[in-house]
């Protein structure tokens, strides 16, 4: 019996079986054998009645938007295939990002401070083999209690008139001229359907026609007790050269019931890539060196594992009228991010206000809804960074090349100061900080920078220059958009919607949504 089998077999909830089921999904993705079902159909017939304004499929993160829309007075139903409740695993985020819950009236300040926030720590570290350590404060240093947060939002959703259908899996949907009809144990009709079912939503697979992802982030980890006392975290750390054609990265966060540690890597979805179980073996092999602790001292509470596919054409544009992908379904996170809670929170206000306007003006056709998942150059430019942090299955590079590059880049950002470093650590890319970092790194370490070109490829670099130019353009357009907002607010409401969406695209696409 392997060490992974021994440890996971002791955990509640069939952790080992869950790992192997997820591994089968990862194997099918690499082999490109995942089925593509026709779950979305279209009909020319009009529905006799439309009972809801919005039906959200996928409750775990869908409840965030569901509660916000219900509080605005819309008739909202939410479908969840199981019971809507949070897991024990904390979600890490920065404190300033959580204020949106208070601003939207979803949480009181007391509920946020005394209930939702489970842990708080400082600082967080960035460290790479052979480089000096970089420290930052107040970045992803808050652990949110998902159980409290989701239960509180669930109750407020119900109090606002929302209706929750638990143990109700999504089966299919038919798009009609005046609404959608969602099939399942209970048939629901609505003006708009929001797909919050995640990366492997059947709707998304149909929209993408089974296309393999352009990249994947593979993650394993655990929460355990028995670590030496340490009230700081690691945002990204590496202490090994290339292993198994991958660069291994680590994260670590204090948690209310122990310490959470993750091992993750960026890679492609080639058939010959290793399994999640093999990656968990690697995690357990290296964890003692990483945290300076013997495995026999640890009491494992739960295991964590998964993978996050990324597509260059994200966010996913709507393929049908009256169906909008949100959260991980839309792929509206950078290829460096795990997505999930943080990505949903980042866009919560924008989506709430945008969907509210779309419903008010009945702009529910695919072209109108597409404006709610716009092109964002500040996310697209990160594809170059993802490629620079990964290695092709047959690619040959120096074993410590990625560590050397990242150590240099982060040292330069630290010297430039917090206004440069902190947005990047929160996965927000802005033109001026990026320009300064590239300029300083290029002049100080030209040989290291030149090594990137054969690693990432000339075509990738040319494509990046296009998005980098667009990042500059969006950064110039957003101040103009803010200036004309008073004029926009005097336009007819339908025109306001289009202009508001355009200005929001400039804001988020330039990273101007960053909360200091």
Protein backbone atom coordinates (compact mmCIF):
# COMPACT_ATOMS: atom_id res chain seq x y z
CA UNK A 1 0.00 0.00 0.00
CA UNK A 2 1.41 3.40 -0.99
CA UNK A 3 1.71 6.28 1.47
CA UNK A 4 -1.09 8.09 -0.36
CA UNK A 5 -3.36 5.06 0.05
CA UNK A 6 -2.49 4.72 3.74
CA UNK A 7 -3.20 8.36 4.61
CA UNK A 8 -6.29 8.89 2.46
CA UNK A 9 -7.86 5.61 3.55
CA UNK A 10 -7.92 6.95 7.13
CA UNK A 11 -9.83 10.11 6.22
CA UNK A 12 -13.64 10.37 6.32
CA UNK A 13 -15.78 10.64 3.22
CA UNK A 14 -13.90 8.13 1.02
CA UNK A 15 -11.07 10.54 0.19
CA UNK A 16 -9.15 7.85 -1.70
CA UNK A 17 -12.18 7.00 -3.82
CA UNK A 18 -12.73 10.69 -4.50
CA UNK A 19 -9.13 11.11 -5.64
CA UNK A 20 -9.43 8.17 -8.01
CA UNK A 21 -12.74 9.39 -9.45
CA UNK A 22 -11.19 12.79 -10.08
CA UNK A 23 -8.16 11.02 -11.56
CA UNK A 24 -10.44 9.20 -14.00
CA UNK A 25 -11.85 12.56 -15.10
CA UNK A 26 -8.29 13.89 -15.55
CA UNK A 27 -7.38 10.77 -17.55
CA UNK A 28 -10.42 11.21 -19.79
CA UNK A 29 -9.58 14.86 -20.36
CA UNK A 30 -6.03 13.97 -21.43
CA UNK A 31 -7.32 11.24 -23.74
CA UNK A 32 -10.06 13.58 -25.02
CA UNK A 33 -12.73 10.95 -24.35
CA UNK A 34 -15.07 12.98 -22.16
CA UNK A 35 -18.59 12.71 -23.63
CA UNK A 36 -20.28 15.75 -25.13
CA UNK A 37 -24.01 15.56 -24.49
CA UNK A 38 -26.66 17.67 -26.16
CA UNK A 39 -28.17 19.25 -23.07
CA UNK A 40 -29.15 22.54 -24.74
CA UNK A 41 -31.83 22.54 -27.42
CA UNK A 42 -33.70 25.35 -29.17
CA UNK A 43 -37.39 25.69 -30.03
CA UNK A 44 -39.40 28.26 -32.01
CA UNK A 45 -42.45 27.75 -29.80
CA UNK A 46 -43.29 30.37 -27.20
CA UNK A 47 -43.68 29.33 -23.57
CA UNK A 48 -47.20 29.78 -22.20
CA UNK A 49 -45.91 30.97 -18.82
CA UNK A 50 -42.53 32.04 -17.49
CA UNK A 51 -42.38 31.56 -13.73
CA UNK A 52 -38.96 32.97 -12.87
CA UNK A 53 -36.76 35.84 -13.98
CA UNK A 54 -33.58 33.86 -13.33
CA UNK A 55 -32.78 30.21 -12.70
CA UNK A 56 -29.23 29.55 -11.50
CA UNK A 57 -27.86 26.05 -12.03
CA UNK A 58 -25.07 25.32 -9.55
CA UNK A 59 -25.59 26.46 -6.00
CA UNK A 60 -22.24 26.46 -4.22
CA UNK A 61 -21.03 29.69 -5.80
CA UNK A 62 -24.28 30.48 -7.61
CA UNK A 63 -25.80 31.45 -4.26
CA UNK A 64 -23.54 34.54 -4.17
CA UNK A 65 -25.14 35.98 -7.27
CA UNK A 66 -28.54 34.47 -6.48
CA UNK A 67 -28.74 36.27 -3.14
CA UNK A 68 -27.65 39.56 -4.72
CA UNK A 69 -30.25 39.35 -7.50
CA UNK A 70 -33.03 38.24 -5.14
CA UNK A 71 -32.33 41.27 -2.95
CA UNK A 72 -32.86 43.45 -6.02
CA UNK A 73 -36.36 42.05 -6.29
CA UNK A 74 -35.96 39.52 -9.08
CA UNK A 75 -37.70 36.13 -8.98
CA UNK A 76 -34.76 33.76 -8.59
CA UNK A 77 -34.67 29.97 -8.35
CA UNK A 78 -31.49 28.03 -7.65
CA UNK A 79 -30.84 24.38 -8.54
CA UNK A 80 -28.26 22.41 -6.58
CA UNK A 81 -27.56 18.74 -7.32
CA UNK A 82 -26.82 18.03 -3.65
CA UNK A 83 -27.33 19.93 -0.42
CA UNK A 84 -26.21 23.53 -0.52
CA UNK A 85 -23.58 23.79 2.20
CA UNK A 86 -19.96 24.82 2.39
CA UNK A 87 -17.03 22.49 2.95
CA UNK A 88 -14.75 22.68 5.96
CA UNK A 89 -11.88 23.87 3.74
CA UNK A 90 -11.36 27.63 4.11
CA UNK A 91 -11.27 29.94 1.08
CA UNK A 92 -8.33 32.34 1.07
CA UNK A 93 -8.84 35.90 -0.11
CA UNK A 94 -7.75 39.46 0.73
CA UNK A 95 -9.81 41.43 3.25
CA UNK A 96 -10.53 44.36 0.92
CA UNK A 97 -12.10 42.00 -1.62
CA UNK A 98 -14.65 40.85 0.96
CA UNK A 99 -16.14 44.33 1.36
CA UNK A 100 -18.32 43.71 -1.70
CA UNK A 101 -20.54 41.50 0.49
CA UNK A 102 -21.19 44.42 2.83
CA UNK A 103 -21.58 46.93 -0.02
CA UNK A 104 -24.19 44.72 -1.74
CA UNK A 105 -26.05 44.16 1.54
CA UNK A 106 -25.34 40.43 1.59
CA UNK A 107 -23.53 40.53 4.94
CA UNK A 108 -23.46 42.99 7.80
CA UNK A 109 -20.06 44.17 8.98
CA UNK A 110 -20.54 42.05 12.12
CA UNK A 111 -21.42 38.92 10.08
CA UNK A 112 -18.31 39.47 8.00
CA UNK A 113 -15.93 40.07 10.90
CA UNK A 114 -17.27 37.59 13.44
CA UNK A 115 -18.67 34.85 11.23
CA UNK A 116 -17.33 34.76 7.68
CA UNK A 117 -13.69 35.44 8.57
CA UNK A 118 -12.29 32.32 10.21
CA UNK A 119 -8.56 33.12 10.22
CA UNK A 120 -6.28 36.08 9.58
CA UNK A 121 -2.51 36.00 9.30
CA UNK A 122 0.50 37.94 8.00
CA UNK A 123 2.79 38.04 6.12
CA UNK A 124 2.74 35.89 2.99
CA UNK A 125 5.98 34.75 1.42
CA UNK A 126 7.17 34.32 -2.16
CA UNK A 127 10.25 32.11 -2.47
CA UNK A 128 12.10 30.33 -5.27
CA UNK A 129 15.11 28.01 -5.24
CA UNK A 130 18.29 30.07 -5.40
CA UNK A 131 16.57 33.43 -4.87
CA UNK A 132 15.92 35.70 -1.92
CA UNK A 133 12.55 35.63 -0.17
CA UNK A 134 9.91 38.28 -0.84
CA UNK A 135 7.28 39.12 1.79
CA UNK A 136 3.98 40.97 1.46
CA UNK A 137 1.19 41.82 3.88
CA UNK A 138 -2.58 41.62 3.53
CA UNK A 139 -2.60 39.47 0.37
CA UNK A 140 -4.79 36.31 0.48
CA UNK A 141 -4.29 36.43 4.24
CA UNK A 142 -7.94 35.91 5.19
CA UNK A 143 -9.43 32.44 5.56
CA UNK A 144 -13.20 32.52 4.90
CA UNK A 145 -15.48 29.95 6.55
CA UNK A 146 -17.53 28.53 3.62
CA UNK A 147 -20.03 26.84 5.95
CA UNK A 148 -21.00 30.10 7.65
CA UNK A 149 -20.88 32.18 4.48
CA UNK A 150 -23.04 29.91 2.32
CA UNK A 151 -25.57 29.23 5.08
CA UNK A 152 -25.93 32.98 5.75
CA UNK A 153 -26.36 33.78 2.06
CA UNK A 154 -28.79 30.88 1.68
CA UNK A 155 -31.03 32.25 4.44
CA UNK A 156 -30.93 35.77 3.02
CA UNK A 157 -31.73 34.38 -0.42
CA UNK A 158 -34.79 32.59 0.94
CA UNK A 159 -35.87 35.64 2.97
CA UNK A 160 -35.70 37.73 -0.21
CA UNK A 161 -38.14 35.40 -1.97
CA UNK A 162 -35.65 33.11 -3.69
CA UNK A 163 -36.47 29.43 -3.97
CA UNK A 164 -33.88 26.71 -3.53
CA UNK A 165 -34.22 23.28 -5.10
CA UNK A 166 -31.69 20.96 -3.45
CA UNK A 167 -30.95 17.40 -4.62
CA UNK A 168 -32.07 18.60 -8.06
CA UNK A 169 -29.42 17.96 -10.72
CA UNK A 170 -29.52 19.82 -14.02
CA UNK A 171 -30.66 17.55 -16.87
CA UNK A 172 -31.15 19.84 -19.85
CA UNK A 173 -32.59 23.11 -21.09
CA UNK A 174 -34.63 24.22 -24.09
CA UNK A 175 -34.30 27.80 -25.28
CA UNK A 176 -37.58 29.38 -26.44
CA UNK A 177 -38.15 32.86 -27.91
CA UNK A 178 -39.48 34.19 -24.60
CA UNK A 179 -37.56 32.11 -22.05
CA UNK A 180 -35.90 28.83 -21.15
CA UNK A 181 -37.41 25.58 -19.92
CA UNK A 182 -35.07 23.69 -17.60
CA UNK A 183 -35.70 19.97 -17.33
CA UNK A 184 -35.14 17.82 -14.28
CA UNK A 185 -37.15 16.30 -11.47
CA UNK A 186 -39.02 19.60 -11.56
CA UNK A 187 -39.45 21.62 -14.77
CA UNK A 188 -38.74 25.32 -14.36
CA UNK A 189 -39.27 28.18 -16.78
CA UNK A 190 -37.35 31.44 -16.64
CA UNK A 191 -36.37 34.46 -18.68
CA UNK A 192 -32.66 33.75 -18.12
CA UNK A 193 -30.54 30.79 -17.05
CA UNK A 194 -27.17 31.29 -15.35
CA UNK A 195 -24.74 28.36 -15.61
CA UNK A 196 -22.68 28.20 -12.41
CA UNK A 197 -21.93 24.47 -12.68
CA UNK A 198 -18.19 24.94 -13.05
CA UNK A 199 -15.46 23.88 -15.44
CA UNK A 200 -17.14 20.58 -16.31
CA UNK A 201 -20.64 21.88 -16.86
CA UNK A 202 -22.40 19.87 -19.55
CA UNK A 203 -23.57 23.18 -21.06
CA UNK A 204 -19.97 24.38 -21.32
CA UNK A 205 -18.82 21.10 -22.85
CA UNK A 206 -21.52 21.37 -25.49
CA UNK A 207 -20.57 24.99 -26.17
CA UNK A 208 -16.89 24.10 -26.51
CA UNK A 209 -17.69 20.89 -28.43
CA UNK A 210 -15.30 18.88 -26.27
CA UNK A 211 -12.25 21.01 -27.09
CA UNK A 212 -9.22 20.11 -24.95
CA UNK A 213 -8.00 22.89 -22.66
CA UNK A 214 -4.95 24.89 -23.68
CA UNK A 215 -3.47 24.46 -20.20
CA UNK A 216 -4.28 22.91 -16.84
CA UNK A 217 -3.40 23.74 -13.24
CA UNK A 218 -3.06 20.51 -11.24
CA UNK A 219 -3.48 20.81 -7.45
CA UNK A 220 -3.17 18.43 -4.49
CA UNK A 221 -2.88 19.11 -0.79
CA UNK A 222 -4.27 18.63 2.68
CA UNK A 223 -5.23 20.30 5.91
CA UNK A 224 -3.45 18.81 8.92
CA UNK A 225 -2.59 19.46 12.55
CA UNK A 226 0.83 18.99 14.11
CA UNK A 227 2.87 21.56 12.19
CA UNK A 228 5.26 23.82 14.12
CA UNK A 229 3.60 27.12 15.13
CA UNK A 230 3.64 29.44 12.10
CA UNK A 231 1.29 32.39 11.64
CA UNK A 232 2.47 33.24 8.14
CA UNK A 233 1.63 31.83 4.73
CA UNK A 234 3.27 31.03 1.42
CA UNK A 235 1.64 32.49 -1.66
CA UNK A 236 3.98 30.72 -4.04
CA UNK A 237 7.15 28.84 -3.17
CA UNK A 238 9.46 26.45 -4.97
CA UNK A 239 12.46 24.61 -3.56
CA UNK A 240 13.10 21.99 -6.28
CA UNK A 241 14.24 22.12 -9.91
CA UNK A 242 12.10 20.59 -12.64
CA UNK A 243 10.52 17.27 -11.66
CA UNK A 244 8.65 15.00 -14.10
CA UNK A 245 8.72 17.76 -16.77
CA UNK A 246 6.98 20.14 -14.35
CA UNK A 247 7.92 22.95 -12.02
CA UNK A 248 6.40 22.27 -8.61
CA UNK A 249 4.96 25.20 -6.67
CA UNK A 250 3.66 25.31 -3.10
CA UNK A 251 1.14 27.30 -1.09
CA UNK A 252 0.58 27.21 2.66
CA UNK A 253 -2.00 28.97 4.83
CA UNK A 254 -2.80 28.81 8.55
CA UNK A 255 -6.34 27.48 9.08
CA UNK A 256 -8.66 27.32 12.06
CA UNK A 257 -8.19 23.55 12.36
CA UNK A 258 -4.55 23.23 11.36
CA UNK A 259 -2.47 24.28 8.37
CA UNK A 260 -3.42 23.92 4.72
CA UNK A 261 -0.67 23.12 2.23
CA UNK A 262 -0.99 22.78 -1.53
CA UNK A 263 1.31 21.48 -4.25
CA UNK A 264 0.40 22.73 -7.72
CA UNK A 265 1.86 22.86 -11.20
CA UNK A 266 1.02 24.26 -14.64
CA UNK A 267 1.04 21.84 -17.54
CA UNK A 268 -0.66 20.82 -20.77
CA UNK A 269 -3.26 18.06 -21.12
CA UNK A 270 -1.04 15.63 -23.05
CA UNK A 271 -1.85 11.93 -22.64
CA UNK A 272 1.54 11.12 -21.08
CA UNK A 273 1.13 13.52 -18.15
CA UNK A 274 1.14 11.89 -14.71
CA UNK A 275 -1.95 11.10 -12.65
CA UNK A 276 -3.31 13.02 -9.69
CA UNK A 277 -2.50 10.06 -7.47
CA UNK A 278 1.12 10.19 -8.59
CA UNK A 279 1.12 13.93 -7.88
CA UNK A 280 -0.24 13.24 -4.39
CA UNK A 281 2.63 10.77 -3.90
CA UNK A 282 5.00 13.61 -4.80
CA UNK A 283 3.23 15.95 -2.38
CA UNK A 284 3.71 13.54 0.52
CA UNK A 285 7.32 12.85 -0.50
CA UNK A 286 8.25 16.55 -0.47
CA UNK A 287 5.99 17.90 2.30
CA UNK A 288 8.45 17.08 5.14
CA UNK A 289 11.21 19.08 3.42
CA UNK A 290 8.85 21.93 2.60
CA UNK A 291 7.38 22.39 6.10
CA UNK A 292 10.30 20.96 8.12
CA UNK A 293 8.09 18.36 9.77
CA UNK A 294 7.94 14.58 9.84
CA UNK A 295 4.74 13.06 8.41
CA UNK A 296 4.36 10.96 11.57
CA UNK A 297 3.81 14.20 13.54
CA UNK A 298 0.80 15.24 11.41
CA UNK A 299 -2.85 14.45 11.98
CA UNK A 300 -4.48 14.81 8.56
CA UNK A 301 -7.98 16.33 8.64
CA UNK A 302 -8.86 16.20 4.96
CA UNK A 303 -7.29 15.80 1.53
CA UNK A 304 -7.56 18.30 -1.32
CA UNK A 305 -7.17 17.55 -5.01
CA UNK A 306 -8.40 18.77 -8.37
CA UNK A 307 -7.47 20.37 -11.65
CA UNK A 308 -8.46 23.56 -13.38
CA UNK A 309 -8.63 23.67 -17.20
CA UNK A 310 -7.86 26.97 -18.94
CA UNK A 311 -8.78 28.12 -22.45
CA UNK A 312 -7.21 30.92 -24.45
CA UNK A 313 -10.60 32.08 -25.72
CA UNK A 314 -11.95 32.70 -22.20
CA UNK A 315 -14.18 34.14 -20.94
CA UNK A 316 -16.55 31.84 -22.80
CA UNK A 317 -19.03 33.78 -24.90
CA UNK A 318 -22.69 32.72 -24.77
CA UNK A 319 -23.58 30.20 -27.48
CA UNK A 320 -27.33 30.58 -27.06
CA UNK A 321 -29.84 33.27 -26.21
CA UNK A 322 -30.92 33.46 -22.54
CA UNK A 323 -28.03 31.33 -21.18
CA UNK A 324 -25.06 33.03 -19.53
CA UNK A 325 -22.05 31.14 -18.07
CA UNK A 326 -20.72 32.66 -14.84
CA UNK A 327 -17.85 31.84 -12.49
CA UNK A 328 -15.74 28.85 -13.48
CA UNK A 329 -18.24 27.95 -16.22
CA UNK A 330 -17.22 31.12 -18.03
CA UNK A 331 -13.50 30.61 -17.39
CA UNK A 332 -13.25 34.24 -16.26
CA UNK A 333 -10.03 33.67 -14.32
CA UNK A 334 -6.42 33.90 -15.43
CA UNK A 335 -4.49 30.70 -16.28
CA UNK A 336 -2.41 31.35 -13.14
CA UNK A 337 -5.45 31.27 -10.85
CA UNK A 338 -7.41 28.44 -9.29
CA UNK A 339 -10.60 30.38 -10.07
CA UNK A 340 -13.50 29.44 -7.81
CA UNK A 341 -14.42 31.71 -4.92
CA UNK A 342 -11.91 34.49 -5.55
CA UNK A 343 -12.79 34.87 -9.22
CA UNK A 344 -16.52 34.87 -8.41
CA UNK A 345 -16.13 37.52 -5.72
CA UNK A 346 -14.06 39.72 -8.00
CA UNK A 347 -16.87 39.91 -10.57
CA UNK A 348 -19.80 39.80 -8.15
CA UNK A 349 -20.70 43.50 -8.25
CA UNK A 350 -20.16 43.77 -12.01
CA UNK A 351 -22.33 40.73 -12.75
CA UNK A 352 -25.04 41.74 -10.28
CA UNK A 353 -25.40 45.20 -11.78
CA UNK A 354 -25.03 43.99 -15.38
CA UNK A 355 -27.59 41.17 -15.12
CA UNK A 356 -29.96 43.53 -13.29
CA UNK A 357 -29.78 45.97 -16.23
CA UNK A 358 -30.10 43.18 -18.80
CA UNK A 359 -33.28 41.92 -17.11
CA UNK A 360 -34.73 45.42 -16.77
CA UNK A 361 -34.25 46.07 -20.48
CA UNK A 362 -34.94 42.51 -21.65
CA UNK A 363 -31.52 42.33 -23.34
CA UNK A 364 -31.23 38.56 -23.09
CA UNK A 365 -30.06 37.59 -26.58
CA UNK A 366 -26.58 36.11 -26.88
CA UNK A 367 -24.95 39.26 -28.29
CA UNK A 368 -26.29 41.37 -25.45
CA UNK A 369 -25.30 38.83 -22.79
CA UNK A 370 -21.83 38.50 -24.32
CA UNK A 371 -21.09 42.00 -23.04
CA UNK A 372 -21.28 40.58 -19.50
CA UNK A 373 -18.35 38.23 -20.22
CA UNK A 374 -16.08 40.58 -22.17
CA UNK A 375 -12.55 40.16 -23.48
CA UNK A 376 -10.12 41.19 -20.71
CA UNK A 377 -6.55 41.83 -21.90
CA UNK A 378 -5.21 41.91 -18.33
CA UNK A 379 -6.18 38.23 -18.02
CA UNK A 380 -5.04 37.27 -21.51
CA UNK A 381 -1.52 38.68 -21.04
CA UNK A 382 -0.98 36.17 -18.23
CA UNK A 383 -0.86 33.34 -20.77
CA UNK A 384 2.76 34.28 -21.43
CA UNK A 385 3.52 33.98 -17.70
CA UNK A 386 1.77 30.61 -17.56
CA UNK A 387 3.89 29.35 -20.45
CA UNK A 388 7.04 30.70 -18.80
CA UNK A 389 6.14 28.72 -15.65
CA UNK A 390 5.47 25.43 -17.46
CA UNK A 391 7.35 22.98 -19.68
CA UNK A 392 6.11 21.06 -22.70
CA UNK A 393 5.99 17.29 -22.47
CA UNK A 394 9.05 16.90 -24.74
CA UNK A 395 10.63 20.31 -24.15
CA UNK A 396 14.22 20.63 -22.94
CA UNK A 397 15.14 23.55 -20.70
CA UNK A 398 17.64 24.02 -17.90
CA UNK A 399 16.40 22.36 -14.67
CA UNK A 400 16.38 25.61 -12.68
CA UNK A 401 15.43 28.04 -15.46
CA UNK A 402 11.89 28.74 -14.19
CA UNK A 403 13.09 29.28 -10.62
CA UNK A 404 15.80 31.69 -11.77
CA UNK A 405 13.37 33.73 -13.87
CA UNK A 406 10.71 33.99 -11.17
CA UNK A 407 13.23 34.82 -8.44
CA UNK A 408 14.57 37.71 -10.54
CA UNK A 409 11.12 39.04 -11.51
CA UNK A 410 9.81 39.07 -7.95
CA UNK A 411 12.99 40.66 -6.59
CA UNK A 412 12.63 43.44 -9.16
CA UNK A 413 8.96 43.93 -8.26
CA UNK A 414 9.82 44.11 -4.57
CA UNK A 415 12.39 46.81 -5.28
CA UNK A 416 9.77 48.76 -7.23
CA UNK A 417 7.49 48.65 -4.18
CA UNK A 418 4.05 47.49 -3.04
CA UNK A 419 2.07 49.35 -5.78
CA UNK A 420 3.87 47.10 -8.28
CA UNK A 421 4.03 43.86 -6.31
CA UNK A 422 0.68 43.60 -4.57
CA UNK A 423 -1.71 43.78 -7.55
CA UNK A 424 0.26 41.01 -9.26
CA UNK A 425 0.10 38.82 -6.16
CA UNK A 426 -3.70 39.24 -6.20
CA UNK A 427 -3.77 38.09 -9.85
CA UNK A 428 -4.54 41.62 -11.12
CA UNK A 429 -2.32 42.73 -13.99
CA UNK A 430 -2.08 46.46 -14.71
CA UNK A 431 -0.22 48.15 -17.56
CA UNK A 432 2.02 50.52 -15.62
CA UNK A 433 3.26 47.99 -13.01
CA UNK A 434 3.82 45.40 -15.74
CA UNK A 435 5.66 47.89 -17.96
CA UNK A 436 7.95 48.94 -15.11
CA UNK A 437 8.67 45.34 -14.15
CA UNK A 438 9.46 44.26 -17.71
CA UNK A 439 11.65 47.31 -18.30
CA UNK A 440 13.64 46.87 -15.09
CA UNK A 441 14.02 43.11 -15.52
CA UNK A 442 14.97 43.42 -19.19
CA UNK A 443 17.74 45.94 -18.47
CA UNK A 444 19.05 44.20 -15.35
CA UNK A 445 18.92 40.57 -16.57
CA UNK A 446 18.78 40.47 -20.40
CA UNK A 447 20.25 36.96 -20.66
CA UNK A 448 17.62 35.46 -18.36
CA UNK A 449 14.81 37.18 -20.26
CA UNK A 450 16.14 35.99 -23.63
CA UNK A 451 15.91 32.36 -22.43
CA UNK A 452 12.13 32.73 -22.30
CA UNK A 453 11.74 33.12 -26.07
CA UNK A 454 12.62 29.53 -27.10
CA UNK A 455 10.71 28.23 -24.07
CA UNK A 456 7.41 29.99 -24.82
CA UNK A 457 7.80 30.19 -28.61
CA UNK A 458 7.84 33.15 -30.99
CA UNK A 459 4.14 32.85 -31.90
CA UNK A 460 3.14 32.98 -28.22
CA UNK A 461 5.27 36.10 -27.81
CA UNK A 462 3.72 37.81 -30.86
CA UNK A 463 0.23 36.99 -29.60
CA UNK A 464 1.17 38.38 -26.18
CA UNK A 465 2.30 41.69 -27.70
CA UNK A 466 -1.20 42.13 -29.17
CA UNK A 467 -2.87 41.65 -25.79
CA UNK A 468 -0.24 43.79 -24.04
CA UNK A 469 -1.04 46.61 -26.49
CA UNK A 470 -4.75 46.16 -25.75
CA UNK A 471 -3.97 46.36 -22.03
CA UNK A 472 -2.40 49.75 -22.67
CA UNK A 473 -5.43 50.87 -24.72
CA UNK A 474 -7.93 49.70 -22.07
CA UNK A 475 -5.89 51.50 -19.40
CA UNK A 476 -6.27 54.72 -21.37
CA UNK A 477 -9.96 54.17 -22.17
CA UNK A 478 -11.18 53.53 -18.62
CA UNK A 479 -10.48 57.06 -17.28
CA UNK A 480 -12.33 58.37 -20.34
CA UNK A 481 -15.20 55.99 -19.55
CA UNK A 482 -15.39 57.29 -15.98
CA UNK A 483 -15.44 60.87 -17.26
CA UNK A 484 -18.38 60.29 -19.62
CA UNK A 485 -20.42 58.23 -17.13
CA UNK A 486 -22.63 61.21 -16.12
CA UNK A 487 -23.48 61.71 -19.82
CA UNK A 488 -24.09 57.93 -20.25
CA UNK A 489 -26.55 57.99 -17.33
CA UNK A 490 -28.76 60.46 -19.22
CA UNK A 491 -29.14 58.15 -22.23
CA UNK A 492 -32.15 55.85 -22.81
CA UNK A 493 -31.86 52.77 -20.55
CA UNK A 494 -31.02 50.31 -23.35
CA UNK A 495 -28.13 52.48 -24.52
CA UNK A 496 -27.03 52.86 -20.92
CA UNK A 497 -26.70 49.08 -20.64
CA UNK A 498 -24.36 48.86 -23.63
CA UNK A 499 -22.23 51.77 -22.44
CA UNK A 500 -22.09 50.52 -18.84
CA UNK A 501 -20.92 47.11 -20.08
CA UNK A 502 -18.31 48.74 -22.28
CA UNK A 503 -16.95 50.88 -19.44
CA UNK A 504 -16.90 47.87 -17.08
CA UNK A 505 -14.95 45.91 -19.71
CA UNK A 506 -12.35 48.69 -19.80
CA UNK A 507 -12.24 48.78 -16.00
CA UNK A 508 -11.79 45.05 -15.42
CA UNK A 509 -9.76 44.54 -18.59
CA UNK A 510 -7.20 47.09 -17.38
CA UNK A 511 -7.12 45.85 -13.77
CA UNK A 512 -8.64 49.11 -12.53
CA UNK A 513 -11.01 47.10 -10.32
CA UNK A 514 -8.09 46.34 -7.98
CA UNK A 515 -8.93 47.16 -4.38
CA UNK A 516 -5.93 48.61 -2.50
